[in-house]
Amino acid sequence: MVLTTGTALSQLIPFIVLPILQKYFYGPADFALLASFVYFSEMLGVIGTLKLEYAIVAQRTPQDAREVLVTGVRVTLMSSGLALLLALICFQWDIIHGLHELGVTIFLLPAVVLSMGIIQLTSYWYNARKEYDKIAQGKLVQTSTSEGTKLIGGWIGLNYTGLILGRVLGYITLSVVQWRRYLQQAVNVDRRNFSMWEVIVRNKSYVLYTTPSVFVGALINFLYIELFLENFGSESAGMVSVAMTYVGAGLGMVAGSISQVFYGTISGIHRRSELQSLYVRFLGRLLLMSAAMTGMIWVLPASWIVGVLGPEWNDLIVYCRVISVWLGVWFISSSLSFIYLRLQRQNVMLFFDVLHVAMIYIGFHVGRGYDGTALGALWGFTWAQVLFYIIAIGMALFFIRTSKLLHD
């Protein structure tokens, strides 16, 4: 409840600011380039730690947890160097169209990768210590900084760069705040010599299975924006990205909060019936939340959107309605996805995510081939997403019933 409440409060800021940004400062094309930067940076950022933050919660002592965190920071520094190299390549050559269009802004990529790594590692440090209030406070700091910078950028006449600067400064500010808090706590933890590589080997399941899995998940977000950019142009891609922001941003933050608490809760459960009961209970509650969210979006009149944002955003509500269908199912599956880590089925997660990429790529092109429109492609993408997440939820129940890690 602490995490969810803090997240909800932090999301009020972007939802209040976004209509102002749309109506007075930035157009769909600007949001398309923002989406290209955001999803590519997140694709690198989520794997920049090799997902060692997940191992922090599972450590038995504060010393072990600290060593995992420090190792994660060192890995993140290396990942930032790789991000700089990729930024140089994308700046120099038009290999990925959306990134090449960013110009020199692409060189903010390493800062995002480093900041995201620190945020992820310290958040799970607080999670292991049950200090959910610090995570919730951090979300407020991040969104306040990010949205304030976007407003200033629009006011002084910046284009998409104002949006990207806001995003980057939000990450940097939160990483500094959470790192300072961590250092204050780490002073009281006994230190000892340790090998970074030994820590990685001890937690190799996260590196070998979870890292590729979350990479593929992030690749999906970047892939569909790039597909819309290449096939339908920046206006359509911008409409999709803003619709994703309205529908998905709040759900994503809440899902992240719920999933962290869910993971912390199931880590100590070893009875099959107890874990299955908890999973089903979470599933039922999330289903109600998802249905309520989707229903509200579908009954929202299109005239309200035009009245608030202007005629340039006339089609936005249509995109929001379509996207809400699959995001509602994604919200449920994402909130419960840590069940695969608990059951040590990371190898299955990787297989599912590779299948996921294939499904949405096929779904996009089937929908595009149906009527040749961006909306048709979005519907094809949506049904592929819905099918995948239903499969993921059902397979989790199957693994609970058959896992050898649980006893009856």
Protein backbone atom coordinates (compact mmCIF):
# COMPACT_ATOMS: atom_id res chain seq x y z
CA MET A 1 0.00 0.00 0.00
CA VAL A 2 2.88 2.37 0.74
CA LEU A 3 4.43 1.73 -2.66
CA THR A 4 1.12 1.88 -4.52
CA THR A 5 0.02 5.09 -2.78
CA GLY A 6 3.38 6.76 -3.39
CA THR A 7 3.30 5.67 -6.99
CA ALA A 8 -0.22 6.98 -7.49
CA LEU A 9 0.78 10.36 -6.07
CA SER A 10 3.87 10.51 -8.27
CA GLN A 11 1.78 9.73 -11.35
CA LEU A 12 -0.55 12.67 -10.71
CA ILE A 13 2.24 15.01 -11.79
CA PRO A 14 2.81 13.54 -15.30
CA PHE A 15 -0.92 13.21 -15.94
CA ILE A 16 -1.47 16.84 -15.02
CA VAL A 17 1.53 18.06 -17.04
CA LEU A 18 1.15 15.87 -20.16
CA PRO A 19 -1.96 17.65 -21.54
CA ILE A 20 -0.19 20.99 -21.12
CA LEU A 21 2.84 19.69 -22.99
CA GLN A 22 0.64 18.37 -25.79
CA LYS A 23 -1.56 21.43 -26.20
CA TYR A 24 0.99 24.23 -25.94
CA PHE A 25 4.51 22.94 -26.58
CA TYR A 26 5.03 19.59 -28.33
CA GLY A 27 3.38 17.74 -31.24
CA PRO A 28 3.01 14.02 -32.03
CA ALA A 29 6.31 13.95 -33.95
CA ASP A 30 8.17 15.22 -30.86
CA PHE A 31 6.66 12.47 -28.72
CA ALA A 32 7.61 9.88 -31.35
CA LEU A 33 11.31 10.77 -31.03
CA LEU A 34 10.98 10.85 -27.24
CA ALA A 35 9.55 7.33 -27.36
CA SER A 36 12.39 6.14 -29.58
CA PHE A 37 14.96 7.46 -27.09
CA VAL A 38 13.08 6.24 -24.01
CA TYR A 39 12.52 2.69 -25.19
CA PHE A 40 16.04 2.24 -26.54
CA SER A 41 17.61 3.64 -23.37
CA GLU A 42 15.38 1.43 -21.23
CA MET A 43 16.30 -1.57 -23.36
CA LEU A 44 19.94 -0.99 -22.39
CA GLY A 45 19.19 0.26 -18.88
CA VAL A 46 17.18 -2.74 -17.72
CA ILE A 47 20.07 -5.10 -18.55
CA GLY A 48 22.85 -2.72 -17.50
CA THR A 49 23.05 -4.40 -14.08
CA LEU A 50 22.78 -7.95 -15.49
CA LYS A 51 19.69 -8.04 -13.23
CA LEU A 52 21.81 -8.48 -10.12
CA GLU A 53 19.34 -6.29 -8.24
CA TYR A 54 16.97 -9.27 -8.12
CA ALA A 55 19.61 -11.19 -6.20
CA ILE A 56 19.81 -8.53 -3.48
CA VAL A 57 16.45 -9.55 -2.00
CA ALA A 58 17.50 -13.21 -1.83
CA GLN A 59 20.74 -12.59 0.15
CA ARG A 60 20.87 -13.83 3.73
CA THR A 61 23.04 -11.10 5.25
CA PRO A 62 23.50 -7.35 4.71
CA GLN A 63 27.13 -8.03 3.80
CA ASP A 64 26.10 -10.36 0.99
CA ALA A 65 23.49 -7.87 -0.23
CA ARG A 66 26.01 -5.04 -0.25
CA GLU A 67 28.51 -7.09 -2.27
CA VAL A 68 25.85 -7.87 -4.88
CA LEU A 69 24.92 -4.19 -5.08
CA VAL A 70 28.52 -3.02 -5.45
CA THR A 71 29.10 -5.65 -8.13
CA GLY A 72 25.98 -4.41 -9.89
CA VAL A 73 27.30 -0.84 -9.87
CA ARG A 74 30.59 -1.94 -11.42
CA VAL A 75 28.74 -3.83 -14.14
CA THR A 76 26.56 -0.75 -14.74
CA LEU A 77 29.64 1.41 -15.30
CA MET A 78 30.80 -1.02 -17.98
CA SER A 79 27.33 -0.97 -19.53
CA SER A 80 27.44 2.83 -19.67
CA GLY A 81 30.64 2.62 -21.69
CA LEU A 82 28.94 0.26 -24.13
CA ALA A 83 25.98 2.69 -24.34
CA LEU A 84 28.38 5.47 -25.33
CA LEU A 85 29.75 3.32 -28.15
CA LEU A 86 26.24 2.51 -29.40
CA ALA A 87 25.31 6.21 -29.24
CA LEU A 88 28.31 7.06 -31.42
CA ILE A 89 27.34 4.38 -33.98
CA CYS A 90 23.70 5.51 -34.13
CA PHE A 91 24.75 9.15 -34.45
CA GLN A 92 27.16 8.43 -37.27
CA TRP A 93 25.09 5.97 -39.34
CA ASP A 94 21.35 5.68 -40.03
CA ILE A 95 21.14 2.08 -38.88
CA ILE A 96 18.10 2.63 -36.66
CA HIS A 97 16.06 5.46 -38.12
CA GLY A 98 14.42 6.75 -34.94
CA LEU A 99 17.74 6.97 -33.09
CA HIS A 100 19.60 8.61 -35.97
CA GLU A 101 16.93 11.34 -36.04
CA LEU A 102 17.81 12.27 -32.45
CA GLY A 103 21.09 13.91 -33.47
CA VAL A 104 23.47 14.81 -30.62
CA THR A 105 20.71 14.06 -28.07
CA ILE A 106 21.60 10.39 -28.45
CA PHE A 107 24.75 11.04 -26.38
CA LEU A 108 22.58 11.34 -23.26
CA LEU A 109 22.16 7.57 -23.49
CA PRO A 110 25.08 6.60 -21.17
CA ALA A 111 23.77 8.89 -18.42
CA VAL A 112 20.39 7.14 -18.52
CA VAL A 113 21.95 3.66 -18.42
CA LEU A 114 24.11 4.57 -15.41
CA SER A 115 21.25 6.27 -13.57
CA MET A 116 18.82 3.45 -14.22
CA GLY A 117 21.32 0.91 -12.92
CA ILE A 118 21.82 2.79 -9.65
CA ILE A 119 18.07 3.27 -9.23
CA GLN A 120 17.32 -0.41 -9.80
CA LEU A 121 20.04 -1.63 -7.45
CA THR A 122 19.22 0.74 -4.59
CA SER A 123 15.46 0.16 -4.95
CA TYR A 124 15.92 -3.56 -4.33
CA TRP A 125 18.27 -2.77 -1.46
CA TYR A 126 15.38 -0.84 0.14
CA ASN A 127 13.00 -3.63 -0.81
CA ALA A 128 15.11 -6.20 1.04
CA ARG A 129 15.01 -3.94 4.10
CA LYS A 130 11.23 -3.40 3.75
CA GLU A 131 11.79 0.36 3.38
CA TYR A 132 9.06 0.87 0.81
CA ASP A 133 8.61 4.51 1.79
CA LYS A 134 12.03 5.37 0.33
CA ILE A 135 11.08 3.83 -3.01
CA ALA A 136 7.79 5.72 -3.02
CA GLN A 137 9.50 9.03 -2.15
CA GLY A 138 12.00 8.44 -4.95
CA LYS A 139 9.21 8.16 -7.51
CA LEU A 140 7.91 11.57 -6.46
CA VAL A 141 11.38 13.10 -6.80
CA GLN A 142 11.85 11.59 -10.25
CA THR A 143 8.53 12.66 -11.74
CA SER A 144 8.70 16.17 -10.26
CA THR A 145 12.12 16.78 -11.76
CA SER A 146 11.28 15.19 -15.09
CA GLU A 147 7.97 16.96 -15.73
CA GLY A 148 9.25 20.32 -14.48
CA THR A 149 12.16 20.17 -16.93
CA LYS A 150 9.83 19.27 -19.82
CA LEU A 151 7.66 22.30 -19.04
CA ILE A 152 10.67 24.61 -18.93
CA GLY A 153 11.98 23.13 -22.19
CA GLY A 154 8.66 23.75 -23.92
CA TRP A 155 8.39 27.27 -22.52
CA ILE A 156 11.80 28.28 -23.89
CA GLY A 157 10.97 26.79 -27.29
CA LEU A 158 12.82 23.47 -27.37
CA ASN A 159 11.53 20.69 -29.59
CA TYR A 160 11.72 17.00 -28.67
CA THR A 161 15.03 17.71 -26.88
CA GLY A 162 13.09 19.34 -24.05
CA LEU A 163 11.14 16.11 -23.53
CA ILE A 164 14.30 14.00 -23.56
CA LEU A 165 16.18 16.32 -21.20
CA GLY A 166 13.31 16.07 -18.75
CA ARG A 167 13.42 12.30 -18.86
CA VAL A 168 17.18 12.18 -18.37
CA LEU A 169 17.30 14.70 -15.51
CA GLY A 170 14.55 12.78 -13.71
CA TYR A 171 16.67 9.64 -13.77
CA ILE A 172 19.86 11.44 -12.74
CA THR A 173 18.20 13.22 -9.82
CA LEU A 174 16.62 10.05 -8.44
CA SER A 175 19.85 8.07 -8.81
CA VAL A 176 21.77 10.71 -6.81
CA VAL A 177 19.13 10.80 -4.06
CA GLN A 178 18.90 7.03 -3.69
CA TRP A 179 22.68 6.52 -3.86
CA ARG A 180 23.26 9.02 -1.06
CA ARG A 181 20.65 7.26 1.09
CA TYR A 182 22.25 3.91 0.38
CA LEU A 183 25.71 5.19 1.37
CA GLN A 184 24.31 6.40 4.69
CA GLN A 185 23.01 2.89 5.40
CA ALA A 186 25.99 1.00 4.02
CA VAL A 187 28.29 2.67 6.55
CA ASN A 188 26.83 0.36 9.20
CA VAL A 189 27.39 -2.81 7.16
CA ASP A 190 30.60 -4.74 7.80
CA ARG A 191 32.93 -4.77 4.81
CA ARG A 192 35.13 -7.56 3.57
CA ASN A 193 37.17 -8.33 0.51
CA PHE A 194 35.22 -10.05 -2.27
CA SER A 195 35.56 -10.97 -5.91
CA MET A 196 33.18 -9.33 -8.37
CA TRP A 197 33.33 -12.39 -10.61
CA GLU A 198 32.54 -14.77 -7.75
CA VAL A 199 29.44 -12.73 -6.96
CA ILE A 200 28.35 -12.92 -10.60
CA VAL A 201 28.94 -16.70 -10.71
CA ARG A 202 26.94 -17.23 -7.49
CA ASN A 203 24.04 -15.38 -9.07
CA LYS A 204 24.53 -16.62 -12.61
CA SER A 205 20.88 -17.62 -13.07
CA TYR A 206 19.90 -13.93 -13.10
CA VAL A 207 22.68 -13.16 -15.57
CA LEU A 208 22.11 -16.09 -17.92
CA TYR A 209 18.32 -16.26 -17.93
CA THR A 210 16.69 -13.18 -16.42
CA THR A 211 18.87 -10.64 -18.24
CA PRO A 212 18.09 -11.94 -21.75
CA SER A 213 14.44 -12.25 -20.78
CA VAL A 214 14.02 -8.64 -19.66
CA PHE A 215 16.07 -7.50 -22.64
CA VAL A 216 13.62 -9.15 -25.00
CA GLY A 217 10.74 -7.60 -23.06
CA ALA A 218 12.24 -4.13 -23.45
CA LEU A 219 13.08 -4.86 -27.10
CA ILE A 220 9.36 -5.35 -27.73
CA ASN A 221 8.57 -1.81 -26.60
CA PHE A 222 11.28 -0.35 -28.82
CA LEU A 223 10.39 -2.63 -31.73
CA TYR A 224 6.78 -1.56 -32.05
CA ILE A 225 7.64 2.17 -31.93
CA GLU A 226 10.30 1.63 -34.59
CA LEU A 227 7.82 -0.36 -36.70
CA PHE A 228 5.31 2.49 -36.55
CA LEU A 229 8.00 5.06 -37.33
CA GLU A 230 9.23 3.18 -40.37
CA ASN A 231 5.83 2.12 -41.72
CA PHE A 232 3.49 5.01 -40.83
CA GLY A 233 5.68 8.00 -39.96
CA SER A 234 6.33 10.09 -36.85
CA GLU A 235 2.78 11.42 -36.51
CA SER A 236 1.29 7.96 -36.11
CA ALA A 237 4.18 6.75 -33.94
CA GLY A 238 3.75 9.81 -31.73
CA MET A 239 0.05 9.08 -31.31
CA VAL A 240 0.83 5.51 -30.28
CA SER A 241 3.53 6.57 -27.82
CA VAL A 242 1.32 9.19 -26.13
CA ALA A 243 -1.55 6.71 -25.89
CA MET A 244 0.89 4.30 -24.27
CA THR A 245 1.88 7.03 -21.82
CA TYR A 246 -1.70 7.77 -20.81
CA VAL A 247 -2.75 4.17 -20.45
CA GLY A 248 0.51 2.47 -19.57
CA ALA A 249 2.54 4.86 -17.42
CA GLY A 250 0.30 4.70 -14.38
CA LEU A 251 -0.30 0.98 -14.78
CA GLY A 252 3.41 0.36 -15.24
CA MET A 253 4.40 2.14 -12.06
CA VAL A 254 1.64 0.43 -10.05
CA ALA A 255 2.53 -2.94 -11.56
CA GLY A 256 6.18 -2.37 -10.62
CA SER A 257 5.22 -1.57 -7.05
CA ILE A 258 2.90 -4.56 -6.74
CA SER A 259 5.44 -6.90 -8.31
CA GLN A 260 8.18 -5.86 -5.86
CA VAL A 261 5.91 -6.52 -2.88
CA PHE A 262 4.66 -9.76 -4.46
CA TYR A 263 8.25 -10.94 -4.98
CA GLY A 264 9.20 -10.12 -1.41
CA THR A 265 6.14 -12.01 -0.16
CA ILE A 266 6.50 -15.19 -2.22
CA SER A 267 10.24 -15.50 -1.52
CA GLY A 268 9.49 -17.03 1.87
CA ILE A 269 6.64 -19.35 0.82
CA HIS A 270 7.48 -23.03 0.34
CA ARG A 271 4.09 -24.74 0.49
CA ARG A 272 2.44 -25.36 -2.87
CA SER A 273 -1.11 -24.70 -1.70
CA GLU A 274 -0.13 -21.46 0.04
CA LEU A 275 1.73 -20.11 -2.99
CA GLN A 276 -1.06 -21.09 -5.39
CA SER A 277 -3.66 -19.48 -3.13
CA LEU A 278 -1.65 -16.25 -2.95
CA TYR A 279 -1.14 -16.20 -6.73
CA VAL A 280 -4.85 -16.73 -7.42
CA ARG A 281 -5.80 -14.08 -4.86
CA PHE A 282 -3.49 -11.52 -6.47
CA LEU A 283 -4.76 -12.58 -9.90
CA GLY A 284 -8.40 -11.95 -8.96
CA ARG A 285 -7.76 -8.52 -7.51
CA LEU A 286 -5.61 -7.44 -10.43
CA LEU A 287 -8.28 -8.63 -12.87
CA LEU A 288 -10.85 -6.36 -11.24
CA MET A 289 -8.46 -3.40 -11.34
CA SER A 290 -7.64 -4.07 -14.99
CA ALA A 291 -11.28 -4.40 -16.04
CA ALA A 292 -12.19 -1.14 -14.30
CA MET A 293 -9.34 0.71 -16.03
CA THR A 294 -10.15 -0.62 -19.49
CA GLY A 295 -13.86 0.09 -19.08
CA MET A 296 -13.25 3.71 -18.11
CA ILE A 297 -11.14 4.33 -21.20
CA TRP A 298 -13.71 2.83 -23.56
CA VAL A 299 -16.58 4.99 -22.24
CA LEU A 300 -14.54 8.20 -22.34
CA PRO A 301 -16.02 10.50 -25.07
CA ALA A 302 -13.65 11.46 -27.89
CA SER A 303 -14.91 15.06 -27.73
CA TRP A 304 -13.30 15.47 -24.32
CA ILE A 305 -9.86 14.73 -25.76
CA VAL A 306 -10.27 17.26 -28.58
CA GLY A 307 -11.62 19.85 -26.17
CA VAL A 308 -8.64 19.52 -23.84
CA LEU A 309 -5.78 18.89 -26.29
CA GLY A 310 -6.98 20.41 -29.54
CA PRO A 311 -7.83 18.95 -32.98
CA GLU A 312 -4.24 17.77 -33.57
CA TRP A 313 -4.96 14.92 -31.12
CA ASN A 314 -8.36 13.96 -32.52
CA ASP A 315 -7.50 10.26 -32.98
CA LEU A 316 -5.79 9.80 -29.61
CA ILE A 317 -8.80 8.26 -27.83
CA VAL A 318 -9.07 5.56 -30.52
CA TYR A 319 -5.44 4.57 -29.98
CA CYS A 320 -5.94 4.62 -26.19
CA ARG A 321 -8.93 2.27 -26.43
CA VAL A 322 -7.07 -0.28 -28.52
CA ILE A 323 -3.95 -0.14 -26.37
CA SER A 324 -5.96 -0.48 -23.14
CA VAL A 325 -7.12 -3.95 -24.24
CA TRP A 326 -3.66 -5.50 -24.17
CA LEU A 327 -2.23 -3.30 -21.43
CA GLY A 328 -4.99 -4.49 -19.12
CA VAL A 329 -3.84 -8.10 -19.55
CA TRP A 330 -0.19 -7.04 -19.43
CA PHE A 331 -0.81 -5.29 -16.10
CA ILE A 332 -1.97 -8.55 -14.55
CA SER A 333 0.81 -10.69 -15.99
CA SER A 334 3.57 -8.15 -15.26
CA SER A 335 2.53 -7.70 -11.65
CA LEU A 336 2.83 -11.47 -11.11
CA SER A 337 5.84 -12.15 -13.33
CA PHE A 338 8.24 -12.68 -10.42
CA ILE A 339 6.61 -16.06 -9.86
CA TYR A 340 8.93 -17.38 -12.56
CA LEU A 341 11.98 -16.22 -10.60
CA ARG A 342 10.62 -17.73 -7.39
CA LEU A 343 10.20 -21.09 -9.11
CA GLN A 344 13.59 -20.75 -10.84
CA ARG A 345 12.07 -21.01 -14.29
CA GLN A 346 14.15 -18.23 -15.84
CA ASN A 347 14.99 -20.46 -18.79
CA VAL A 348 11.28 -20.72 -19.58
CA MET A 349 10.93 -16.92 -19.34
CA LEU A 350 13.59 -16.51 -22.01
CA PHE A 351 11.82 -18.96 -24.33
CA PHE A 352 8.51 -17.17 -23.77
CA ASP A 353 10.01 -13.78 -24.53
CA VAL A 354 11.58 -14.92 -27.78
CA LEU A 355 8.16 -16.33 -28.71
CA HIS A 356 6.69 -12.98 -27.67
CA VAL A 357 8.82 -11.04 -30.15
CA ALA A 358 7.81 -13.37 -32.96
CA MET A 359 4.12 -13.11 -32.05
CA ILE A 360 3.96 -9.31 -32.01
CA TYR A 361 6.02 -8.97 -35.20
CA ILE A 362 3.64 -11.32 -36.98
CA GLY A 363 0.61 -9.68 -35.35
CA PHE A 364 1.73 -6.21 -36.45
CA HIS A 365 2.19 -7.24 -40.08
CA VAL A 366 -1.02 -9.31 -40.19
CA GLY A 367 -2.96 -6.31 -38.88
CA ARG A 368 -1.15 -3.99 -41.29
CA GLY A 369 -1.90 -6.29 -44.20
CA TYR A 370 -5.60 -6.42 -43.29
CA ASP A 371 -6.41 -2.81 -44.16
CA GLY A 372 -3.05 -1.09 -44.58
CA THR A 373 -3.65 1.41 -41.77
CA ALA A 374 -1.81 2.18 -38.55
CA LEU A 375 -4.93 1.30 -36.57
CA GLY A 376 -5.16 -2.10 -38.26
CA ALA A 377 -1.53 -2.78 -37.39
CA LEU A 378 -2.21 -1.73 -33.80
CA TRP A 379 -5.12 -4.16 -33.53
CA GLY A 380 -2.94 -6.98 -34.86
CA PHE A 381 -0.26 -6.07 -32.35
CA THR A 382 -2.88 -5.94 -29.57
CA TRP A 383 -4.36 -9.39 -30.10
CA ALA A 384 -0.89 -10.92 -30.27
CA GLN A 385 -0.11 -9.27 -26.92
CA VAL A 386 -3.34 -10.45 -25.30
CA LEU A 387 -2.76 -14.03 -26.39
CA PHE A 388 0.81 -14.05 -25.11
CA TYR A 389 0.01 -12.69 -21.64
CA ILE A 390 -2.88 -15.10 -21.15
CA ILE A 391 -0.49 -17.95 -21.96
CA ALA A 392 2.06 -16.56 -19.47
CA ILE A 393 -0.51 -16.38 -16.66
CA GLY A 394 -1.74 -19.91 -17.34
CA MET A 395 1.77 -21.35 -17.48
CA ALA A 396 2.63 -19.78 -14.12
CA LEU A 397 -0.21 -21.73 -12.50
CA PHE A 398 1.03 -24.89 -14.20
CA PHE A 399 4.56 -24.37 -12.86
CA ILE A 400 3.29 -23.80 -9.32
CA ARG A 401 1.46 -27.12 -9.42
CA THR A 402 4.45 -29.03 -10.79
CA SER A 403 7.43 -27.27 -9.14
CA LYS A 404 9.84 -29.50 -7.21
CA LEU A 405 10.89 -26.51 -5.09
CA LEU A 406 7.55 -26.58 -3.25
CA HIS A 407 6.17 -29.20 -0.88
CA ASP A 408 2.56 -30.20 -0.36
